Protein backbone atom coordinates (compact mmCIF):
# COMPACT_ATOMS: atom_id res chain seq x y z
CA MET A 1 -21.31 32.23 -6.35
CA GLU A 2 -17.73 31.11 -5.40
CA ASP A 3 -19.17 28.84 -2.71
CA GLU A 4 -21.50 27.30 -5.37
CA ALA A 5 -18.50 26.54 -7.64
CA MET A 6 -16.70 24.79 -4.71
CA GLU A 7 -19.91 22.73 -3.87
CA VAL A 8 -20.45 21.73 -7.47
CA ALA A 9 -16.65 20.68 -7.78
CA MET A 10 -16.68 18.68 -4.49
CA SER A 11 -19.87 16.81 -5.47
CA ALA A 12 -18.31 15.86 -8.93
CA PHE A 13 -15.01 14.75 -7.25
CA THR A 14 -15.52 11.20 -6.05
CA LEU A 15 -12.34 9.13 -6.15
CA PRO A 16 -13.00 5.49 -5.50
CA ARG A 17 -11.43 4.33 -2.15
CA VAL A 18 -9.13 1.57 -2.03
CA PRO A 19 -8.88 -0.91 1.00
CA GLY A 20 -6.85 0.37 3.87
CA ARG A 21 -3.76 -1.14 5.45
CA SER A 22 -5.17 -2.18 8.79
CA SER A 23 -4.59 -5.86 8.10
CA GLY A 24 -1.09 -5.43 6.75
CA PRO A 25 0.51 -4.07 3.63
CA ALA A 26 0.47 -7.37 1.84
CA THR A 27 -3.37 -7.39 1.73
CA ILE A 28 -3.26 -4.56 -0.92
CA SER A 29 -2.71 -4.78 -4.55
CA TYR A 30 -0.35 -1.83 -4.98
CA ARG A 31 -0.17 -2.11 -8.75
CA GLY A 32 -3.93 -2.15 -8.96
CA ARG A 33 -4.16 0.90 -6.76
CA ASP A 34 -1.52 2.67 -8.84
CA ARG A 35 -3.55 1.97 -12.01
CA LEU A 36 -6.68 3.28 -10.41
CA ALA A 37 -4.95 6.53 -9.24
CA LEU A 38 -3.64 7.12 -12.80
CA MET A 39 -7.09 6.72 -14.23
CA ALA A 40 -8.51 9.13 -11.51
CA ALA A 41 -5.79 11.62 -12.35
CA VAL A 42 -7.19 12.06 -15.80
CA ALA A 43 -10.89 11.45 -15.11
CA VAL A 44 -11.38 13.51 -11.96
CA PRO A 45 -10.15 16.95 -13.26
CA PHE A 46 -12.15 16.33 -16.42
CA VAL A 47 -15.33 15.67 -14.31
CA VAL A 48 -14.74 18.68 -12.23
CA ALA A 49 -14.19 20.94 -15.08
CA VAL A 50 -17.27 19.85 -16.76
CA ALA A 51 -19.32 20.43 -13.59
CA LEU A 52 -17.93 23.99 -13.42
CA ILE A 53 -18.96 24.73 -17.05
CA PRO A 54 -22.33 26.43 -15.99
CA LEU A 55 -20.37 28.68 -13.65
CA ARG A 56 -17.62 29.84 -15.94
CA ALA A 57 -19.47 33.01 -17.10
CA HIS A 58 -20.11 34.04 -13.42
CA VAL A 59 -17.06 33.05 -11.50
CA ALA A 60 -13.55 34.27 -12.04
CA GLY A 61 -11.11 31.97 -13.68
CA THR A 62 -8.71 32.14 -10.78
CA ASN A 63 -11.45 30.78 -8.36
CA LEU A 64 -12.30 28.03 -10.93
CA ALA A 65 -8.72 27.13 -11.07
CA LEU A 66 -8.55 26.91 -7.21
CA VAL A 67 -11.36 24.39 -7.29
CA LEU A 68 -9.36 22.24 -9.78
CA VAL A 69 -6.38 22.41 -7.24
CA VAL A 70 -8.75 20.63 -4.81
CA ALA A 71 -9.23 17.87 -7.34
CA VAL A 72 -5.42 17.59 -7.67
CA VAL A 73 -4.94 17.33 -3.89
CA GLY A 74 -7.72 14.61 -3.72
CA VAL A 75 -6.00 12.44 -6.36
CA ALA A 76 -2.59 12.90 -4.76
CA ALA A 77 -3.82 12.17 -1.32
CA ASN A 78 -5.38 8.89 -2.50
CA GLY A 79 -2.81 7.84 -5.09
CA HIS A 80 0.93 8.52 -5.48
CA ARG A 81 3.28 11.22 -6.64
CA GLY A 82 3.00 10.27 -10.43
CA ALA A 83 -0.80 10.37 -10.29
CA GLY A 84 -0.77 13.90 -8.47
CA ALA A 85 1.57 15.27 -11.26
CA LEU A 86 -0.70 13.85 -13.98
CA ALA A 87 -3.68 15.30 -12.20
CA ALA A 88 -1.95 18.72 -12.13
CA LEU A 89 -1.41 18.39 -16.01
CA SER A 90 -4.89 17.26 -16.60
CA SER A 91 -6.40 20.01 -14.52
CA ALA A 92 -4.41 22.71 -16.51
CA ALA A 93 -5.54 21.14 -19.78
CA TRP A 94 -9.24 20.90 -18.95
CA PHE A 95 -9.15 24.37 -17.36
CA ASP A 96 -7.85 25.61 -20.76
CA PHE A 97 -10.39 23.60 -22.76
CA PHE A 98 -13.53 24.18 -20.86
CA LEU A 99 -13.19 27.30 -18.64
CA THR A 100 -11.28 29.80 -20.74
CA ARG A 101 -12.12 31.62 -23.91
CA PRO A 102 -12.23 30.47 -26.76
CA TYR A 103 -14.21 27.48 -25.09
CA GLU A 104 -13.81 23.93 -26.24
CA ARG A 105 -10.46 24.67 -27.75
CA PHE A 106 -6.98 24.27 -26.42
CA ALA A 107 -6.21 27.90 -26.78
CA ILE A 108 -6.34 30.90 -24.53
CA SER A 109 -6.93 34.54 -25.68
CA SER A 110 -6.28 36.33 -22.49
CA GLY A 111 -2.86 36.78 -20.92
CA ASP A 112 -4.38 36.75 -17.40
CA GLU A 113 -5.92 33.35 -18.12
CA ILE A 114 -2.63 32.05 -19.54
CA THR A 115 -1.00 33.07 -16.22
CA THR A 116 -3.73 31.47 -14.31
CA ALA A 117 -3.36 28.15 -16.29
CA LEU A 118 0.47 28.09 -15.63
CA LEU A 119 -0.10 28.87 -11.92
CA LEU A 120 -2.68 26.10 -11.73
CA LEU A 121 -0.12 23.64 -13.22
CA LEU A 122 2.68 24.75 -10.83
CA VAL A 123 0.63 24.85 -7.75
CA GLY A 124 -1.07 21.64 -8.67
CA LEU A 125 2.37 19.99 -8.98
CA ALA A 126 3.43 21.40 -5.60
CA VAL A 127 0.55 20.36 -3.61
CA SER A 128 0.36 16.95 -5.12
CA GLN A 129 3.89 16.35 -3.89
CA LEU A 130 2.87 17.49 -0.35
CA ALA A 131 -0.37 15.47 -0.48
CA SER A 132 1.43 12.39 -1.54
CA ARG A 133 4.03 12.74 1.14
CA ALA A 134 1.27 13.18 3.77
CA ARG A 135 -0.51 10.01 2.48
CA ARG A 136 2.74 7.96 2.71
CA LEU A 137 3.36 9.09 6.24
CA LYS A 138 -0.15 8.20 7.25
CA ASP A 139 0.04 4.78 5.57
CA MET A 140 3.32 4.00 7.29
CA THR A 141 1.88 4.92 10.69
CA ILE A 142 -1.16 2.67 10.11
CA THR A 143 1.13 -0.16 8.91
CA ASP A 144 3.46 0.06 11.75
CA GLU A 145 0.51 -0.01 14.23
CA GLY A 146 -0.77 -3.03 12.39
CA HIS A 147 2.55 -4.86 12.69
CA LEU A 148 2.98 -4.02 16.32
CA ALA A 149 -0.63 -5.25 17.03
CA ARG A 150 0.13 -8.69 15.35
CA ILE A 151 3.37 -9.11 17.42
CA HIS A 152 1.58 -8.01 20.65
CA GLU A 153 -1.35 -10.37 19.91
CA THR A 154 0.92 -13.36 19.29
CA ALA A 155 2.88 -12.67 22.44
CA ARG A 156 -0.29 -12.50 24.43
CA ILE A 157 -1.40 -15.80 23.06
CA ALA A 158 1.93 -17.43 23.68
CA GLN A 159 1.71 -16.36 27.39
CA ARG A 160 -1.81 -17.80 27.87
CA ALA A 161 -1.56 -20.88 25.70
CA THR A 162 -1.52 -24.28 27.39
CA SER A 163 0.16 -25.84 24.21
CA ALA A 164 2.70 -24.66 21.86
CA ASP A 165 0.57 -25.95 18.91
CA VAL A 166 -1.86 -23.13 19.68
CA VAL A 167 0.87 -20.60 19.01
CA VAL A 168 2.05 -22.42 15.89
CA VAL A 169 -1.47 -22.58 14.47
CA HIS A 170 -1.87 -18.78 15.28
CA VAL A 171 1.20 -17.77 13.54
CA ARG A 172 0.43 -19.82 10.50
CA ALA A 173 -2.84 -17.72 10.18
CA GLN A 174 -1.03 -14.56 10.77
CA LEU A 175 1.56 -15.31 8.08
CA THR A 176 -1.17 -16.25 5.61
CA GLU A 177 -2.81 -12.77 6.04
CA LEU A 178 0.24 -10.65 6.44
CA LEU A 179 2.02 -12.06 3.38
CA ALA A 180 -1.16 -12.73 1.28
CA LEU A 181 -0.33 -16.46 0.98
CA ASP A 182 -2.35 -18.90 -0.91
CA GLY A 183 -1.43 -21.43 1.88
CA CYS A 184 0.90 -22.11 4.64
CA ARG A 185 1.71 -25.15 6.63
CA PHE A 186 4.15 -26.04 9.44
CA GLU A 187 6.61 -28.93 9.45
CA TYR A 188 7.95 -30.02 12.83
CA GLY A 189 11.69 -30.64 12.92
CA THR A 190 12.38 -31.55 9.24
CA LEU A 191 14.76 -29.98 6.78
CA LEU A 192 14.05 -31.90 3.69
CA GLY A 193 14.99 -30.42 0.28
CA HIS A 194 16.35 -27.17 -0.55
CA PRO A 195 13.46 -24.81 -1.03
CA PRO A 196 13.97 -21.01 -1.24
CA GLN A 197 14.27 -19.62 2.29
CA LEU A 198 12.95 -16.43 3.79
CA GLY A 199 15.85 -15.41 6.07
CA GLN A 200 16.08 -13.55 9.37
CA ASP A 201 16.93 -10.36 7.36
CA GLY A 202 13.58 -10.65 5.46
CA ALA A 203 15.35 -11.57 2.15
CA VAL A 204 14.78 -14.75 0.16
CA THR A 205 17.67 -16.83 -0.83
CA THR A 206 17.64 -19.78 -3.23
CA ALA A 207 20.17 -22.39 -4.35
CA ARG A 208 21.49 -19.58 -6.68
CA GLY A 209 21.93 -17.16 -3.87
CA ARG A 210 20.21 -14.05 -2.56
CA ARG A 211 17.41 -12.63 -4.69
CA ASP A 212 16.40 -9.07 -5.46
CA ASP A 213 12.90 -9.59 -4.05
CA GLU A 214 11.56 -6.11 -4.94
CA ARG A 215 12.75 -6.66 -8.54
CA HIS A 216 12.06 -10.29 -9.12
CA GLY A 217 9.29 -10.91 -6.61
CA TRP A 218 8.47 -14.23 -4.92
CA PRO A 219 9.96 -17.42 -6.50
CA GLN A 220 7.29 -19.11 -8.39
CA GLY A 221 6.12 -22.62 -8.52
CA GLU A 222 7.49 -23.75 -5.10
CA GLU A 223 7.12 -23.13 -1.57
CA ILE A 224 9.08 -20.80 0.58
CA GLU A 225 10.75 -21.89 3.89
CA LEU A 226 10.57 -19.82 7.02
CA ARG A 227 12.46 -21.53 9.86
CA ALA A 228 11.28 -21.29 13.51
CA PHE A 229 14.09 -21.09 16.18
CA GLY A 230 13.76 -21.02 19.91
CA LYS A 231 16.69 -20.28 22.34
CA GLY A 232 19.13 -20.96 19.44
CA ARG A 233 17.59 -24.26 18.55
CA TYR A 234 15.69 -25.26 15.24
CA TYR A 235 12.12 -26.68 15.91
CA GLY A 236 10.46 -26.59 12.46
CA ARG A 237 9.60 -24.48 9.48
CA TYR A 238 6.67 -22.67 7.97
CA MET A 239 6.33 -23.51 4.26
CA LEU A 240 4.78 -20.47 2.55
CA ARG A 241 2.77 -20.78 -0.70
CA PRO A 242 2.81 -17.20 -2.30
CA GLY A 243 -0.56 -15.84 -3.58
CA GLY A 244 1.29 -14.20 -6.55
CA ALA A 245 4.50 -12.94 -7.84
CA GLU A 246 4.42 -9.51 -6.10
CA VAL A 247 6.47 -9.71 -2.96
CA PRO A 248 5.25 -7.98 0.30
CA PRO A 249 7.31 -4.95 1.59
CA LEU A 250 10.37 -5.58 3.63
CA PRO A 251 8.71 -4.54 6.95
CA ALA A 252 5.98 -7.24 6.43
CA ARG A 253 8.67 -9.82 5.80
CA MET A 254 10.55 -8.89 8.84
CA VAL A 255 7.34 -9.17 10.95
CA ALA A 256 6.95 -12.62 9.51
CA VAL A 257 10.28 -13.62 10.75
CA THR A 258 9.42 -12.18 14.12
CA LEU A 259 6.25 -14.12 14.34
CA ALA A 260 8.00 -17.40 13.34
CA GLY A 261 10.38 -16.63 16.13
CA GLN A 262 7.57 -16.32 18.59
CA ALA A 263 6.39 -19.88 17.52
CA GLY A 264 9.90 -21.16 17.91
CA ALA A 265 10.13 -19.60 21.35
CA ALA A 266 6.86 -21.28 22.44
CA LEU A 267 8.14 -24.71 21.05
CA ALA A 268 11.35 -24.11 23.04
CA GLU A 269 9.42 -23.51 26.18
CA ALA A 270 7.39 -26.67 25.62
CA ALA A 271 10.55 -28.57 25.04
CA GLU A 272 12.00 -27.53 28.31
CA THR A 273 8.91 -28.47 30.31
CA MET A 274 8.30 -31.71 28.32
CA PRO A 275 11.58 -32.89 26.76
CA HIS A 276 10.17 -35.88 25.29
CA LYS A 277 7.89 -33.65 23.05
CA GLY A 278 10.59 -31.33 22.06
CA HIS A 279 10.32 -31.71 18.38
């Protein structure tokens, strides 16, 4: 009977998946995923508790509570710490409402069931923290692998390309995907105007000074300059058109700077072999 309870709960628990990070962190809508996780934190424990109603007269309350802990872990593993904590609270509430006497009321008549509900809440909070941390570590590993793959691929193309323009075009495509841009173009050897600039440290500066990118996001209504240097010399700049206000994480911006540097190195190499086409 306990196995049946677990099967029912797992069949009821279906948290929608969000896209992975294989193509870079900027391809994900983090706010959208957070909203989805919070919705799941309320809905998933409710669905699991309802699915367990036919078993409440046959299965011990402690075992039903353990099944709800599985739901908390699932939410936390696919969401974030806040969603896991909300799922723990939701699980304790629906356990009280559906699975303890008197049924369909937020009241518990048995002291043992009160203890079980409290333990469900505490254990749910604890495992949500652990599951959330494990998910973040996994995401960081996947993200780092994706960033290294981009840099390695660009280096490979730079070694084989017969023209620096090939590298410039490749990096432009990489930047568009990595930073979730609406557009990206390359200007050879020009420094017209004073657009916001994505610097070597991954921060954006404007005429007013350095921005708090995580707080304020991308500058809106104008392109952002990312300069390409090779062997200490300026060769051109990528003009980035953000796809929205949400700024990509700092590691993604640092990879963007590295990719622009690879394009600059390719242009510098071409300038050494063909000086009259330097820039």
